[in-house]
Amino acid sequence: MSALFQNYARRPVHLVQGKGTIVTDDTGKEYLDFTSGIAVLSLGHANPAVVQAIQQQSEKLWHTSNLFESPEQEKLAATLVKETHLSHAFFCNSGAEANEAAIKMARKHTGKNIIITFEKSFHGRTFGAMSATGQDKIRQGFGPLLETFRTIPFNDIQALDAAIDSDVAAIMLEVIQGEGGINKISPEFAQAVADICESKDILLIIDEVQTGIARTGTRYAYEQTVLKPDIMTLAKGLGGGFPIGAMLGTSALYDTFSPGTHGTTFGGNPLAVAVAQTVLDNVFTTKFLNAVNEKSAYFLDKLKTALPNHQIVGSGLLLGIKCEEEVAPTIEKAEQNGLLLVSAGPNVIRLLPPLTVKKEEIDQAVNILSSILM
């Protein structure tokens, strides 16, 4: 019997090494990793710049309390909010923690309790984040959840209008629902959300845990819409594989989190901050973002040509293949053929290669997918 709780449906593959997009298991078999640790490995496995950042920082300082000033955190925060309407950051360890901070911030700032979220959303597995998540499979078995969330259909303007009243503190959404099936916000719905938030003085929280840090071809996915979040959450790709999360907010929220209102022991530790800064120094450049968009267009063209009977959805290098049947058997076949994939709900294959993926690796992945799906 395993000494581990069996809360993961683990695959029978033991990965022991990775470089770029390629990972190797304990038998020596190589795979194309189109999961990226679920949108985490922005610069791929064992990227030299990330390795160097960890090595250099590990020889200086691993950890210190947030009781002390951190110029490194200040620099990282400034990089994240540069050329945006956002102005401040709080660092934590994960997306769920970032979303918990966002929920607390919205409720404390407004003095109201209700937050509107959406069906098929995913915001994490802590109690607040789980309550915000619009998927029953995530919530089942844990008893009464927080009652201060109203979950409504995504992209439904009529349902949104009906959910608004004077008790609403915030609307919380993903621009692309990653876990829920690669569902993009429609331009009409985005405009409706923006109008309601402005006219009703409601905060907008955008969860960019999966879509942020260039995953969709821009620094943040909201930049491709009319939306301007009051609060934004990040994690996954921010650390390139090292655990870190962040909540960003506007200047109007600055005084809401005063000393003692929220905190974390490990959030923004020197190792995490050094790695995240290195990731941003590489990713937040025009050249890198252009390359992501070029590879995305190439990938989309190859997929549509190879799989004419399937709908291809998503943006940047967060793509999905919609299937009529459940995709678990297809993902298993792909693994047997040397391609690692992950689903987005029961009927969507999610494609999340490192942002540094090469075109020839995209070709290899498409060839494997077409041989299985055609």
Protein backbone atom coordinates (compact mmCIF):
# COMPACT_ATOMS: atom_id res chain seq x y z
CA MET A 1 0.00 0.00 0.00
CA SER A 2 1.26 3.47 -0.90
CA ALA A 3 2.24 5.86 1.86
CA LEU A 4 0.60 8.62 -0.21
CA PHE A 5 -3.05 9.63 -0.13
CA GLN A 6 -4.57 8.59 -3.44
CA ASN A 7 -6.04 11.98 -4.39
CA TYR A 8 -4.38 11.96 -7.82
CA ALA A 9 -5.27 9.64 -10.68
CA ARG A 10 -1.62 9.08 -11.46
CA ARG A 11 -0.40 7.73 -14.76
CA PRO A 12 2.08 4.83 -14.68
CA VAL A 13 4.98 6.96 -15.91
CA HIS A 14 7.90 8.00 -13.70
CA LEU A 15 9.55 11.06 -15.26
CA VAL A 16 13.14 11.59 -14.15
CA GLN A 17 14.63 14.21 -16.47
CA GLY A 18 13.61 17.05 -18.75
CA LYS A 19 15.19 19.48 -21.17
CA GLY A 20 13.17 21.99 -23.13
CA THR A 21 10.05 20.20 -24.38
CA ILE A 22 11.48 16.69 -23.97
CA VAL A 23 11.11 14.59 -20.81
CA THR A 24 12.50 11.12 -20.10
CA ASP A 25 11.09 8.39 -17.88
CA ASP A 26 12.95 5.87 -15.73
CA THR A 27 13.08 3.37 -18.60
CA GLY A 28 14.79 5.85 -20.91
CA LYS A 29 11.71 6.53 -23.05
CA GLU A 30 11.38 10.12 -24.28
CA TYR A 31 8.17 12.12 -24.57
CA LEU A 32 7.11 15.47 -25.96
CA ASP A 33 5.70 17.29 -22.95
CA PHE A 34 2.64 19.21 -24.14
CA THR A 35 1.36 19.59 -20.59
CA SER A 36 4.14 21.89 -19.28
CA GLY A 37 3.16 20.81 -15.78
CA ILE A 38 -0.29 22.22 -16.67
CA ALA A 39 0.78 25.58 -18.11
CA VAL A 40 3.66 26.04 -15.66
CA LEU A 41 6.91 25.57 -17.58
CA SER A 42 6.95 28.84 -19.52
CA LEU A 43 10.59 28.40 -20.57
CA GLY A 44 10.57 24.61 -20.71
CA HIS A 45 12.37 22.09 -18.55
CA ALA A 46 15.78 23.00 -17.11
CA ASN A 47 16.03 26.29 -18.96
CA PRO A 48 19.62 27.53 -18.48
CA ALA A 49 18.54 31.02 -17.36
CA VAL A 50 16.21 29.59 -14.71
CA VAL A 51 18.80 27.07 -13.56
CA GLN A 52 21.36 29.85 -13.19
CA ALA A 53 18.92 32.05 -11.25
CA ILE A 54 18.23 29.25 -8.76
CA GLN A 55 21.90 28.44 -8.38
CA GLN A 56 22.96 32.03 -7.84
CA GLN A 57 20.17 32.87 -5.41
CA SER A 58 20.63 29.62 -3.46
CA GLU A 59 24.15 30.76 -2.61
CA LYS A 60 22.87 34.08 -1.25
CA LEU A 61 19.59 33.73 0.65
CA TRP A 62 16.86 31.07 0.53
CA HIS A 63 14.29 32.48 2.89
CA THR A 64 13.57 35.43 5.10
CA SER A 65 10.39 36.63 6.75
CA ASN A 66 8.11 39.14 5.08
CA LEU A 67 8.71 41.25 8.19
CA PHE A 68 11.76 42.59 6.34
CA GLU A 69 11.99 44.82 3.28
CA SER A 70 12.50 43.10 -0.07
CA PRO A 71 13.84 45.18 -2.97
CA GLU A 72 13.62 42.01 -5.08
CA GLN A 73 9.86 41.76 -4.46
CA GLU A 74 9.53 45.45 -5.28
CA LYS A 75 11.29 44.90 -8.62
CA LEU A 76 9.16 41.88 -9.50
CA ALA A 77 5.97 43.77 -8.62
CA ALA A 78 7.04 46.71 -10.76
CA THR A 79 7.75 44.39 -13.70
CA LEU A 80 4.31 42.78 -13.41
CA VAL A 81 2.37 46.05 -13.34
CA LYS A 82 4.51 47.94 -15.86
CA GLU A 83 2.45 49.52 -18.64
CA THR A 84 -0.82 48.36 -17.07
CA HIS A 85 -3.50 50.14 -15.04
CA LEU A 86 -2.56 47.95 -12.05
CA SER A 87 -0.14 49.27 -9.46
CA HIS A 88 0.50 46.87 -6.55
CA ALA A 89 1.24 43.19 -5.91
CA PHE A 90 0.96 40.63 -3.12
CA PHE A 91 3.06 37.46 -3.48
CA CYS A 92 2.03 34.01 -2.31
CA ASN A 93 2.73 30.40 -3.31
CA SER A 94 -0.03 29.22 -5.68
CA GLY A 95 -3.03 30.17 -7.76
CA ALA A 96 -5.46 29.06 -5.07
CA GLU A 97 -3.70 31.29 -2.54
CA ALA A 98 -3.78 34.20 -4.98
CA ASN A 99 -7.51 33.71 -5.47
CA GLU A 100 -8.10 33.51 -1.72
CA ALA A 101 -6.30 36.84 -1.38
CA ALA A 102 -8.45 38.29 -4.17
CA ILE A 103 -11.66 37.14 -2.48
CA LYS A 104 -10.56 38.65 0.83
CA MET A 105 -9.50 41.88 -0.86
CA ALA A 106 -12.82 42.29 -2.69
CA ARG A 107 -14.93 41.66 0.39
CA LYS A 108 -12.86 43.85 2.68
CA HIS A 109 -12.61 46.74 0.24
CA THR A 110 -16.31 46.86 -0.63
CA GLY A 111 -17.79 45.75 2.67
CA LYS A 112 -20.03 43.43 0.62
CA ASN A 113 -20.10 39.63 0.52
CA ILE A 114 -21.46 38.37 -2.80
CA ILE A 115 -19.08 37.43 -5.62
CA ILE A 116 -20.45 36.30 -8.98
CA THR A 117 -18.62 33.39 -10.62
CA PHE A 118 -19.35 31.16 -13.59
CA GLU A 119 -20.23 27.60 -14.48
CA LYS A 120 -17.25 25.51 -15.67
CA SER A 121 -14.83 27.89 -13.98
CA PHE A 122 -11.90 26.72 -11.87
CA HIS A 123 -10.29 28.85 -9.17
CA GLY A 124 -8.60 26.32 -6.87
CA ARG A 125 -9.22 23.74 -4.17
CA THR A 126 -9.00 25.71 -0.94
CA PHE A 127 -12.40 26.33 0.64
CA GLY A 128 -12.92 29.83 -0.69
CA ALA A 129 -11.53 29.03 -4.15
CA MET A 130 -13.50 25.79 -4.28
CA SER A 131 -16.68 27.67 -3.41
CA ALA A 132 -15.94 30.06 -6.26
CA THR A 133 -15.38 27.21 -8.73
CA GLY A 134 -18.36 26.42 -10.94
CA GLN A 135 -17.86 22.66 -11.18
CA ASP A 136 -19.78 20.22 -9.00
CA LYS A 137 -17.08 17.54 -9.26
CA ILE A 138 -14.68 19.85 -7.42
CA ARG A 139 -17.18 20.62 -4.64
CA GLN A 140 -18.78 17.26 -3.92
CA GLY A 141 -18.28 15.63 -0.53
CA PHE A 142 -17.09 18.64 1.45
CA GLY A 143 -20.34 19.71 3.05
CA PRO A 144 -21.75 23.24 2.97
CA LEU A 145 -19.60 25.65 1.02
CA LEU A 146 -19.35 29.43 1.38
CA GLU A 147 -22.75 30.81 0.50
CA THR A 148 -21.49 34.13 -0.76
CA PHE A 149 -20.91 33.04 -4.36
CA ARG A 150 -23.51 33.19 -7.12
CA THR A 151 -22.56 30.87 -9.95
CA ILE A 152 -24.21 31.59 -13.30
CA PRO A 153 -23.76 30.43 -16.92
CA PHE A 154 -20.71 31.80 -18.72
CA ASN A 155 -21.27 34.22 -21.62
CA ASP A 156 -24.94 34.66 -20.64
CA ILE A 157 -25.71 38.39 -20.43
CA GLN A 158 -29.29 37.85 -19.27
CA ALA A 159 -28.16 35.64 -16.38
CA LEU A 160 -25.54 38.22 -15.45
CA ASP A 161 -28.07 41.04 -15.37
CA ALA A 162 -30.37 38.95 -13.17
CA ALA A 163 -27.59 38.19 -10.69
CA ILE A 164 -26.65 41.80 -9.99
CA ASP A 165 -27.92 43.54 -6.89
CA SER A 166 -26.63 45.91 -4.23
CA ASP A 167 -24.93 43.07 -2.30
CA VAL A 168 -22.48 42.18 -5.10
CA ALA A 169 -18.86 42.98 -4.28
CA ALA A 170 -17.20 41.55 -7.37
CA ILE A 171 -17.41 39.51 -10.54
CA MET A 172 -14.72 36.82 -10.78
CA LEU A 173 -13.91 35.18 -14.11
CA GLU A 174 -11.36 33.60 -16.41
CA VAL A 175 -10.96 35.13 -19.87
CA ILE A 176 -10.45 31.56 -21.10
CA GLN A 177 -11.76 28.78 -18.88
CA GLY A 178 -8.86 26.34 -19.00
CA GLU A 179 -10.03 23.47 -16.79
CA GLY A 180 -13.63 23.90 -17.93
CA GLY A 181 -13.06 23.15 -21.62
CA ILE A 182 -11.07 26.03 -23.21
CA ASN A 183 -14.11 28.34 -23.23
CA LYS A 184 -13.33 31.91 -24.33
CA ILE A 185 -15.24 34.93 -23.14
CA SER A 186 -17.28 36.43 -25.97
CA PRO A 187 -16.69 40.08 -26.92
CA GLU A 188 -20.32 40.87 -26.16
CA PHE A 189 -20.17 39.32 -22.71
CA ALA A 190 -16.87 41.01 -21.91
CA GLN A 191 -18.42 44.38 -22.79
CA ALA A 192 -21.46 43.61 -20.63
CA VAL A 193 -19.22 42.74 -17.68
CA ALA A 194 -17.19 45.91 -18.16
CA ASP A 195 -20.32 48.06 -18.35
CA ILE A 196 -21.91 46.52 -15.26
CA CYS A 197 -18.74 46.83 -13.18
CA GLU A 198 -18.41 50.49 -14.10
CA SER A 199 -22.07 51.46 -13.68
CA LYS A 200 -22.68 49.48 -10.48
CA ASP A 201 -19.26 50.11 -8.86
CA ILE A 202 -18.52 46.37 -8.75
CA LEU A 203 -14.94 45.08 -8.65
CA LEU A 204 -13.70 42.84 -11.45
CA ILE A 205 -11.41 39.94 -10.50
CA ILE A 206 -9.72 38.20 -13.42
CA ASP A 207 -8.13 34.84 -12.70
CA GLU A 208 -5.08 34.65 -14.97
CA VAL A 209 -3.48 31.73 -13.13
CA GLN A 210 -3.43 29.64 -16.30
CA THR A 211 -3.76 32.29 -19.02
CA GLY A 212 -1.23 34.82 -17.76
CA ILE A 213 2.50 35.25 -18.41
CA ALA A 214 2.24 35.10 -22.24
CA ARG A 215 0.39 31.76 -22.37
CA THR A 216 -2.23 33.26 -24.70
CA GLY A 217 0.17 35.40 -26.73
CA THR A 218 0.01 38.59 -24.68
CA ARG A 219 1.39 39.25 -21.21
CA TYR A 220 -2.09 38.78 -19.80
CA ALA A 221 -5.14 37.40 -21.57
CA TYR A 222 -7.36 40.29 -20.48
CA GLU A 223 -5.28 42.54 -22.78
CA GLN A 224 -7.09 40.89 -25.71
CA THR A 225 -10.46 42.12 -24.40
CA VAL A 226 -12.14 45.35 -23.28
CA LEU A 227 -11.84 44.22 -19.66
CA LYS A 228 -9.67 45.97 -17.09
CA PRO A 229 -9.48 44.03 -13.83
CA ASP A 230 -9.41 45.74 -10.46
CA ILE A 231 -7.76 42.57 -9.17
CA MET A 232 -5.82 39.96 -11.14
CA THR A 233 -4.37 36.66 -9.97
CA LEU A 234 -1.32 34.83 -11.31
CA ALA A 235 0.68 31.66 -10.64
CA LYS A 236 1.63 28.67 -12.84
CA GLY A 237 3.79 30.21 -15.60
CA LEU A 238 5.01 33.04 -13.35
CA GLY A 239 7.59 30.81 -11.67
CA GLY A 240 8.42 28.66 -14.69
CA GLY A 241 8.23 25.60 -12.43
CA PHE A 242 9.10 27.16 -9.08
CA PRO A 243 6.08 27.74 -6.79
CA ILE A 244 4.91 31.35 -6.69
CA GLY A 245 1.59 33.15 -6.98
CA ALA A 246 0.62 36.80 -7.12
CA MET A 247 -2.39 39.03 -6.70
CA LEU A 248 -2.22 42.38 -8.49
CA GLY A 249 -4.52 45.32 -7.79
CA THR A 250 -5.18 48.94 -8.63
CA SER A 251 -4.10 51.91 -6.56
CA ALA A 252 -7.65 52.29 -5.22
CA LEU A 253 -7.14 49.04 -3.27
CA TYR A 254 -3.80 50.00 -1.75
CA ASP A 255 -5.05 50.79 1.76
CA THR A 256 -7.34 47.73 1.97
CA PHE A 257 -4.58 45.30 2.89
CA SER A 258 -3.02 47.13 5.82
CA PRO A 259 -0.45 45.41 8.09
CA GLY A 260 -1.91 42.30 9.70
CA THR A 261 -4.87 41.87 7.34
CA HIS A 262 -3.30 39.14 5.21
CA GLY A 263 0.01 37.31 5.01
CA THR A 264 2.04 34.23 4.17
CA THR A 265 5.21 32.62 5.50
CA PHE A 266 6.74 31.53 2.22
CA GLY A 267 5.12 33.92 -0.28
CA GLY A 268 7.63 35.98 -2.24
CA ASN A 269 10.63 34.15 -0.81
CA PRO A 270 14.00 35.05 -2.39
CA LEU A 271 14.30 31.86 -4.47
CA ALA A 272 10.81 32.18 -5.94
CA VAL A 273 11.23 35.88 -6.69
CA ALA A 274 14.60 35.35 -8.39
CA VAL A 275 13.14 32.69 -10.67
CA ALA A 276 9.99 34.67 -11.46
CA GLN A 277 12.03 37.77 -12.33
CA THR A 278 14.13 35.67 -14.70
CA VAL A 279 11.00 34.28 -16.34
CA LEU A 280 9.58 37.76 -16.88
CA ASP A 281 12.88 39.14 -18.17
CA ASN A 282 12.71 36.51 -20.90
CA VAL A 283 8.96 36.36 -21.58
CA PHE A 284 7.88 40.00 -21.34
CA THR A 285 9.72 41.09 -24.45
CA THR A 286 8.26 41.94 -27.85
CA LYS A 287 10.44 39.36 -29.55
CA PHE A 288 9.30 36.54 -27.24
CA LEU A 289 5.61 37.47 -27.45
CA ASN A 290 5.81 37.68 -31.23
CA ALA A 291 7.37 34.21 -31.29
CA VAL A 292 4.55 32.79 -29.16
CA ASN A 293 1.96 34.22 -31.53
CA GLU A 294 3.86 32.98 -34.58
CA LYS A 295 4.05 29.46 -33.14
CA SER A 296 0.39 29.61 -32.16
CA ALA A 297 -0.66 30.48 -35.72
CA TYR A 298 1.57 27.70 -37.05
CA PHE A 299 0.13 25.19 -34.56
CA LEU A 300 -3.47 26.18 -35.34
CA ASP A 301 -2.90 25.86 -39.08
CA LYS A 302 -1.31 22.43 -38.69
CA LEU A 303 -4.10 21.19 -36.40
CA LYS A 304 -6.91 22.45 -38.65
CA THR A 305 -5.29 20.85 -41.68
CA ALA A 306 -4.60 17.54 -39.95
CA LEU A 307 -7.91 17.36 -38.07
CA PRO A 308 -10.58 18.91 -40.34
CA ASN A 309 -13.41 17.21 -38.47
CA HIS A 310 -12.47 18.63 -35.07
CA GLN A 311 -13.01 22.10 -33.63
CA ILE A 312 -9.79 23.75 -32.49
CA VAL A 313 -10.23 26.38 -29.76
CA GLY A 314 -8.11 28.64 -27.58
CA SER A 315 -5.45 31.33 -27.96
CA GLY A 316 -1.67 31.43 -28.01
CA LEU A 317 -0.29 28.16 -26.72
CA LEU A 318 -3.40 27.35 -24.70
CA LEU A 319 -5.27 25.33 -27.31
CA GLY A 320 -7.92 22.64 -27.24
CA ILE A 321 -9.23 19.93 -29.54
CA LYS A 322 -12.96 19.35 -29.02
CA CYS A 323 -14.04 15.73 -29.44
CA GLU A 324 -17.45 14.04 -29.47
CA GLU A 325 -16.18 11.18 -27.33
CA GLU A 326 -14.36 11.24 -24.00
CA VAL A 327 -10.69 12.00 -24.53
CA ALA A 328 -9.09 9.92 -21.75
CA PRO A 329 -8.39 6.94 -24.08
CA THR A 330 -6.90 9.28 -26.70
CA ILE A 331 -4.61 10.85 -24.13
CA GLU A 332 -3.46 7.38 -23.10
CA LYS A 333 -2.73 6.45 -26.73
CA ALA A 334 -0.79 9.67 -27.22
CA GLU A 335 1.30 8.87 -24.16
CA GLN A 336 2.09 5.45 -25.58
CA ASN A 337 3.24 7.23 -28.74
CA GLY A 338 5.49 9.63 -26.86
CA LEU A 339 3.22 12.67 -26.43
CA LEU A 340 2.05 13.87 -23.02
CA LEU A 341 -1.32 15.62 -22.95
CA VAL A 342 -3.95 16.68 -20.44
CA SER A 343 -7.71 17.08 -20.79
CA ALA A 344 -9.91 20.12 -20.22
CA GLY A 345 -13.10 18.46 -19.08
CA PRO A 346 -14.19 15.08 -20.46
CA ASN A 347 -14.30 15.96 -24.18
CA VAL A 348 -11.45 18.40 -24.83
CA ILE A 349 -7.75 17.65 -25.33
CA ARG A 350 -5.73 20.53 -23.89
CA LEU A 351 -2.46 21.48 -25.58
CA LEU A 352 0.00 23.33 -23.35
CA PRO A 353 3.52 23.07 -24.73
CA PRO A 354 6.29 25.21 -23.22
CA LEU A 355 6.28 28.68 -24.73
CA THR A 356 9.74 27.82 -26.07
CA VAL A 357 8.44 24.84 -28.10
CA LYS A 358 10.04 24.41 -31.52
CA LYS A 359 8.08 24.16 -34.76
CA GLU A 360 9.50 20.72 -35.47
CA GLU A 361 8.18 19.60 -32.07
CA ILE A 362 4.77 20.98 -33.00
CA ASP A 363 4.97 18.95 -36.24
CA GLN A 364 5.77 15.80 -34.27
CA ALA A 365 2.86 16.38 -31.90
CA VAL A 366 0.41 17.01 -34.74
CA ASN A 367 1.56 13.85 -36.53
CA ILE A 368 0.90 11.79 -33.38
CA LEU A 369 -2.48 13.42 -32.82
CA SER A 370 -3.58 12.91 -36.43
CA SER A 371 -2.58 9.25 -36.37
CA ILE A 372 -4.75 8.73 -33.28
CA LEU A 373 -7.75 10.96 -34.05
CA MET A 374 -8.24 10.50 -37.80
